[in-house]
Amino acid sequence: MTKRKRPPTKVRRRRAFPHAEDHELKAELVREIARTMMEKALTQQAAARMLRIGQPDVSKMLRGHFRQFSAERLMRFLVRLGREIEIALRPVPHGTKITVTARDPV
């Protein structure tokens, strides 16, 4: 009886999380939203008004429940919070690295 080989970890991970790169990008955008809210000392209620969503949605988003928001919408949230979005694509030797740079407009 032959023993079945398990696929490499990367392959198993890809099967288990087919949209991992999208989720990673959105998580980074939410981290930047949270950082901006802290810098500006915004309450969830104040941020909700600026983002044009309900306070419960802000709370869910900050707790990691952000599937309902597209990456594009999260970027618009950052713009509404007064950030400038810069998207840069660079070749990476091994794998994919996602970085989000949000800064105050000049």
N, C-alpha and C. Protein backbone atom coordinates (compact mmCIF):
# COMPACT_ATOMS: atom_id res chain seq x y z
N MET A 1 0.84 -1.18 0.00
CA MET A 1 0.00 0.00 0.00
C MET A 1 0.89 1.25 0.00
N THR A 2 0.65 2.13 -0.96
CA THR A 2 1.47 3.33 -1.05
C THR A 2 0.86 4.46 -0.24
N LYS A 3 1.74 5.20 0.33
CA LYS A 3 1.31 6.33 1.16
C LYS A 3 1.16 7.56 0.26
N ARG A 4 0.02 8.27 0.39
CA ARG A 4 -0.21 9.48 -0.40
C ARG A 4 0.62 10.62 0.16
N LYS A 5 1.25 11.33 -0.74
CA LYS A 5 2.02 12.51 -0.34
C LYS A 5 1.10 13.71 -0.20
N ARG A 6 1.35 14.50 0.82
CA ARG A 6 0.60 15.73 0.99
C ARG A 6 1.20 16.81 0.10
N PRO A 7 0.37 17.68 -0.48
CA PRO A 7 0.94 18.77 -1.27
C PRO A 7 1.76 19.70 -0.38
N PRO A 8 2.69 20.42 -0.97
CA PRO A 8 3.49 21.37 -0.18
C PRO A 8 2.60 22.35 0.58
N THR A 9 3.13 22.89 1.65
CA THR A 9 2.37 23.80 2.51
C THR A 9 1.79 24.97 1.74
N LYS A 10 2.57 25.56 0.83
CA LYS A 10 2.09 26.70 0.06
C LYS A 10 0.83 26.33 -0.73
N VAL A 11 0.84 25.15 -1.32
CA VAL A 11 -0.30 24.71 -2.11
C VAL A 11 -1.51 24.50 -1.20
N ARG A 12 -1.31 23.86 -0.06
CA ARG A 12 -2.41 23.65 0.88
C ARG A 12 -2.98 24.99 1.35
N ARG A 13 -2.10 25.93 1.64
CA ARG A 13 -2.53 27.24 2.11
C ARG A 13 -3.33 27.96 1.02
N ARG A 14 -2.87 27.84 -0.24
CA ARG A 14 -3.55 28.48 -1.35
C ARG A 14 -4.95 27.91 -1.53
N ARG A 15 -5.09 26.59 -1.34
CA ARG A 15 -6.41 25.97 -1.46
C ARG A 15 -7.32 26.40 -0.33
N ALA A 16 -6.78 26.49 0.86
CA ALA A 16 -7.58 26.86 2.03
C ALA A 16 -7.99 28.34 1.99
N PHE A 17 -7.13 29.19 1.48
CA PHE A 17 -7.38 30.64 1.43
C PHE A 17 -7.16 31.15 0.00
N PRO A 18 -8.13 30.89 -0.89
CA PRO A 18 -7.92 31.25 -2.30
C PRO A 18 -7.79 32.75 -2.54
N HIS A 19 -8.30 33.59 -1.64
CA HIS A 19 -8.23 35.04 -1.83
C HIS A 19 -7.35 35.68 -0.76
N ALA A 20 -6.31 35.01 -0.36
CA ALA A 20 -5.46 35.50 0.73
C ALA A 20 -4.83 36.84 0.41
N GLU A 21 -4.40 37.04 -0.84
CA GLU A 21 -3.76 38.30 -1.20
C GLU A 21 -4.75 39.46 -1.08
N ASP A 22 -6.00 39.24 -1.51
CA ASP A 22 -7.02 40.28 -1.38
C ASP A 22 -7.26 40.61 0.08
N HIS A 23 -7.36 39.58 0.89
CA HIS A 23 -7.61 39.78 2.31
C HIS A 23 -6.45 40.52 2.97
N GLU A 24 -5.24 40.18 2.58
CA GLU A 24 -4.06 40.84 3.14
C GLU A 24 -4.05 42.33 2.79
N LEU A 25 -4.41 42.66 1.55
CA LEU A 25 -4.46 44.06 1.14
C LEU A 25 -5.52 44.81 1.94
N LYS A 26 -6.71 44.22 2.07
CA LYS A 26 -7.78 44.87 2.80
C LYS A 26 -7.41 45.03 4.28
N ALA A 27 -6.74 44.04 4.84
CA ALA A 27 -6.32 44.13 6.25
C ALA A 27 -5.33 45.29 6.43
N GLU A 28 -4.44 45.46 5.48
CA GLU A 28 -3.47 46.56 5.56
C GLU A 28 -4.19 47.91 5.45
N LEU A 29 -5.19 48.00 4.59
CA LEU A 29 -5.96 49.23 4.47
C LEU A 29 -6.72 49.55 5.76
N VAL A 30 -7.30 48.52 6.37
CA VAL A 30 -8.02 48.73 7.64
C VAL A 30 -7.05 49.15 8.74
N ARG A 31 -5.85 48.57 8.77
CA ARG A 31 -4.85 49.01 9.75
C ARG A 31 -4.53 50.49 9.57
N GLU A 32 -4.44 50.92 8.32
CA GLU A 32 -4.14 52.33 8.05
C GLU A 32 -5.32 53.21 8.45
N ILE A 33 -6.54 52.74 8.26
CA ILE A 33 -7.73 53.49 8.70
C ILE A 33 -7.70 53.65 10.21
N ALA A 34 -7.42 52.56 10.92
CA ALA A 34 -7.35 52.60 12.39
C ALA A 34 -6.25 53.54 12.85
N ARG A 35 -5.10 53.49 12.20
CA ARG A 35 -3.97 54.37 12.56
C ARG A 35 -4.37 55.84 12.35
N THR A 36 -5.04 56.12 11.25
CA THR A 36 -5.47 57.49 10.96
C THR A 36 -6.49 57.97 11.98
N MET A 37 -7.43 57.10 12.34
CA MET A 37 -8.42 57.46 13.36
C MET A 37 -7.74 57.79 14.68
N MET A 38 -6.72 57.02 15.05
CA MET A 38 -6.00 57.28 16.31
C MET A 38 -5.24 58.60 16.23
N GLU A 39 -4.57 58.84 15.10
CA GLU A 39 -3.81 60.09 14.94
C GLU A 39 -4.71 61.31 15.06
N LYS A 40 -5.91 61.19 14.49
CA LYS A 40 -6.84 62.32 14.50
C LYS A 40 -7.77 62.30 15.70
N ALA A 41 -7.58 61.33 16.59
CA ALA A 41 -8.39 61.17 17.81
C ALA A 41 -9.88 61.13 17.48
N LEU A 42 -10.23 60.37 16.44
CA LEU A 42 -11.62 60.25 16.03
C LEU A 42 -12.31 59.12 16.79
N THR A 43 -13.52 59.39 17.23
CA THR A 43 -14.33 58.31 17.80
C THR A 43 -14.91 57.52 16.63
N GLN A 44 -15.43 56.35 16.93
CA GLN A 44 -16.07 55.56 15.87
C GLN A 44 -17.25 56.31 15.28
N GLN A 45 -17.97 57.03 16.11
CA GLN A 45 -19.14 57.79 15.64
C GLN A 45 -18.69 58.89 14.67
N ALA A 46 -17.64 59.62 15.03
CA ALA A 46 -17.14 60.69 14.16
C ALA A 46 -16.60 60.11 12.85
N ALA A 47 -15.87 59.02 12.95
CA ALA A 47 -15.34 58.37 11.75
C ALA A 47 -16.48 57.88 10.86
N ALA A 48 -17.51 57.33 11.46
CA ALA A 48 -18.65 56.82 10.69
C ALA A 48 -19.28 57.95 9.87
N ARG A 49 -19.42 59.12 10.48
CA ARG A 49 -19.98 60.26 9.74
C ARG A 49 -19.08 60.63 8.56
N MET A 50 -17.77 60.65 8.78
CA MET A 50 -16.85 60.99 7.70
C MET A 50 -16.85 59.94 6.60
N LEU A 51 -16.96 58.67 6.98
CA LEU A 51 -16.91 57.57 6.01
C LEU A 51 -18.26 57.31 5.36
N ARG A 52 -19.31 57.91 5.94
CA ARG A 52 -20.68 57.75 5.45
C ARG A 52 -21.17 56.30 5.59
N ILE A 53 -20.85 55.72 6.74
CA ILE A 53 -21.35 54.39 7.09
C ILE A 53 -21.81 54.45 8.55
N GLY A 54 -22.45 53.41 9.01
CA GLY A 54 -22.91 53.40 10.40
C GLY A 54 -21.78 53.08 11.37
N GLN A 55 -21.93 53.54 12.61
CA GLN A 55 -20.92 53.26 13.64
C GLN A 55 -20.74 51.76 13.85
N PRO A 56 -21.81 50.93 13.82
CA PRO A 56 -21.59 49.49 13.97
C PRO A 56 -20.69 48.91 12.88
N ASP A 57 -20.78 49.47 11.66
CA ASP A 57 -19.91 49.00 10.57
C ASP A 57 -18.46 49.38 10.82
N VAL A 58 -18.23 50.55 11.39
CA VAL A 58 -16.86 50.96 11.74
C VAL A 58 -16.32 50.00 12.80
N SER A 59 -17.12 49.70 13.80
CA SER A 59 -16.70 48.79 14.86
C SER A 59 -16.35 47.41 14.30
N LYS A 60 -17.22 46.89 13.44
CA LYS A 60 -16.95 45.57 12.84
C LYS A 60 -15.67 45.59 12.03
N MET A 61 -15.50 46.65 11.24
CA MET A 61 -14.32 46.77 10.38
C MET A 61 -13.04 46.77 11.23
N LEU A 62 -13.04 47.54 12.31
CA LEU A 62 -11.86 47.64 13.15
C LEU A 62 -11.58 46.35 13.92
N ARG A 63 -12.60 45.51 14.09
CA ARG A 63 -12.42 44.22 14.76
C ARG A 63 -12.08 43.10 13.78
N GLY A 64 -11.88 43.47 12.50
CA GLY A 64 -11.44 42.47 11.52
C GLY A 64 -12.53 41.88 10.67
N HIS A 65 -13.75 42.38 10.80
CA HIS A 65 -14.86 41.89 9.98
C HIS A 65 -15.08 42.87 8.83
N PHE A 66 -14.25 42.78 7.79
CA PHE A 66 -14.31 43.77 6.72
C PHE A 66 -14.56 43.15 5.35
N ARG A 67 -15.06 41.93 5.30
CA ARG A 67 -15.33 41.30 4.01
C ARG A 67 -16.34 42.07 3.18
N GLN A 68 -17.26 42.77 3.84
CA GLN A 68 -18.30 43.49 3.11
C GLN A 68 -17.76 44.70 2.35
N PHE A 69 -16.54 45.11 2.65
CA PHE A 69 -15.95 46.28 2.00
C PHE A 69 -14.92 45.84 0.97
N SER A 70 -15.01 46.42 -0.22
CA SER A 70 -14.00 46.15 -1.25
C SER A 70 -12.74 46.94 -0.93
N ALA A 71 -11.63 46.56 -1.52
CA ALA A 71 -10.38 47.30 -1.33
C ALA A 71 -10.55 48.73 -1.84
N GLU A 72 -11.27 48.89 -2.93
CA GLU A 72 -11.50 50.23 -3.48
C GLU A 72 -12.27 51.10 -2.49
N ARG A 73 -13.27 50.53 -1.86
CA ARG A 73 -14.07 51.30 -0.89
C ARG A 73 -13.23 51.67 0.33
N LEU A 74 -12.38 50.75 0.78
CA LEU A 74 -11.50 51.04 1.91
C LEU A 74 -10.53 52.17 1.56
N MET A 75 -10.07 52.20 0.31
CA MET A 75 -9.20 53.30 -0.12
C MET A 75 -9.96 54.62 -0.12
N ARG A 76 -11.23 54.58 -0.54
CA ARG A 76 -12.04 55.80 -0.50
C ARG A 76 -12.23 56.27 0.94
N PHE A 77 -12.35 55.33 1.88
CA PHE A 77 -12.45 55.70 3.29
C PHE A 77 -11.21 56.48 3.72
N LEU A 78 -10.04 56.00 3.31
CA LEU A 78 -8.80 56.70 3.67
C LEU A 78 -8.77 58.11 3.09
N VAL A 79 -9.25 58.26 1.86
CA VAL A 79 -9.29 59.59 1.25
C VAL A 79 -10.24 60.49 2.03
N ARG A 80 -11.39 59.95 2.44
CA ARG A 80 -12.34 60.74 3.24
C ARG A 80 -11.77 61.14 4.59
N LEU A 81 -10.82 60.32 5.09
CA LEU A 81 -10.17 60.65 6.36
C LEU A 81 -8.99 61.61 6.16
N GLY A 82 -8.80 62.07 4.91
CA GLY A 82 -7.76 63.05 4.64
C GLY A 82 -6.43 62.46 4.23
N ARG A 83 -6.42 61.22 3.81
CA ARG A 83 -5.18 60.60 3.37
C ARG A 83 -5.10 60.57 1.85
N GLU A 84 -3.88 60.54 1.35
CA GLU A 84 -3.62 60.41 -0.07
C GLU A 84 -3.16 58.96 -0.31
N ILE A 85 -3.67 58.33 -1.33
CA ILE A 85 -3.33 56.93 -1.63
C ILE A 85 -2.31 56.90 -2.75
N GLU A 86 -1.28 56.11 -2.56
CA GLU A 86 -0.27 55.91 -3.59
C GLU A 86 -0.14 54.41 -3.83
N ILE A 87 -0.29 54.00 -5.09
CA ILE A 87 -0.16 52.59 -5.43
C ILE A 87 1.11 52.43 -6.24
N ALA A 88 2.00 51.59 -5.78
CA ALA A 88 3.27 51.36 -6.47
C ALA A 88 3.43 49.88 -6.74
N LEU A 89 3.78 49.53 -7.96
CA LEU A 89 4.01 48.14 -8.33
C LEU A 89 5.50 47.97 -8.61
N ARG A 90 6.10 47.00 -7.95
CA ARG A 90 7.52 46.72 -8.14
C ARG A 90 7.72 45.22 -8.24
N PRO A 91 8.68 44.79 -9.02
CA PRO A 91 8.97 43.36 -9.04
C PRO A 91 9.55 42.92 -7.70
N VAL A 92 9.12 41.76 -7.25
CA VAL A 92 9.58 41.22 -5.98
C VAL A 92 10.22 39.87 -6.29
N PRO A 93 11.45 39.62 -5.78
CA PRO A 93 12.15 38.38 -6.11
C PRO A 93 11.40 37.10 -5.73
N HIS A 94 10.86 37.03 -4.53
CA HIS A 94 10.18 35.81 -4.09
C HIS A 94 8.84 36.15 -3.48
N GLY A 95 7.78 35.72 -4.13
CA GLY A 95 6.45 35.93 -3.56
C GLY A 95 5.92 37.32 -3.82
N THR A 96 4.91 37.66 -3.10
CA THR A 96 4.24 38.95 -3.26
C THR A 96 4.27 39.70 -1.95
N LYS A 97 4.62 40.95 -2.02
CA LYS A 97 4.62 41.81 -0.84
C LYS A 97 3.67 42.96 -1.12
N ILE A 98 2.71 43.13 -0.25
CA ILE A 98 1.76 44.21 -0.41
C ILE A 98 2.07 45.29 0.61
N THR A 99 2.23 46.49 0.12
CA THR A 99 2.43 47.60 1.03
C THR A 99 1.46 48.71 0.66
N VAL A 100 0.95 49.36 1.66
CA VAL A 100 0.02 50.45 1.45
C VAL A 100 0.66 51.69 2.05
N THR A 101 0.74 52.73 1.26
CA THR A 101 1.27 53.98 1.75
C THR A 101 0.16 55.01 1.70
N ALA A 102 -0.21 55.51 2.83
CA ALA A 102 -1.22 56.57 2.91
C ALA A 102 -0.58 57.71 3.64
N ARG A 103 -0.68 58.89 3.07
CA ARG A 103 -0.07 60.05 3.72
C ARG A 103 -0.98 61.24 3.59
N ASP A 104 -0.70 62.24 4.38
CA ASP A 104 -1.47 63.47 4.30
C ASP A 104 -1.12 64.15 2.98
N PRO A 105 -2.14 64.69 2.28
CA PRO A 105 -1.85 65.39 1.01
C PRO A 105 -0.95 66.59 1.26
N VAL A 106 -0.15 66.87 0.28
CA VAL A 106 0.80 68.00 0.38
C VAL A 106 0.13 69.27 0.07
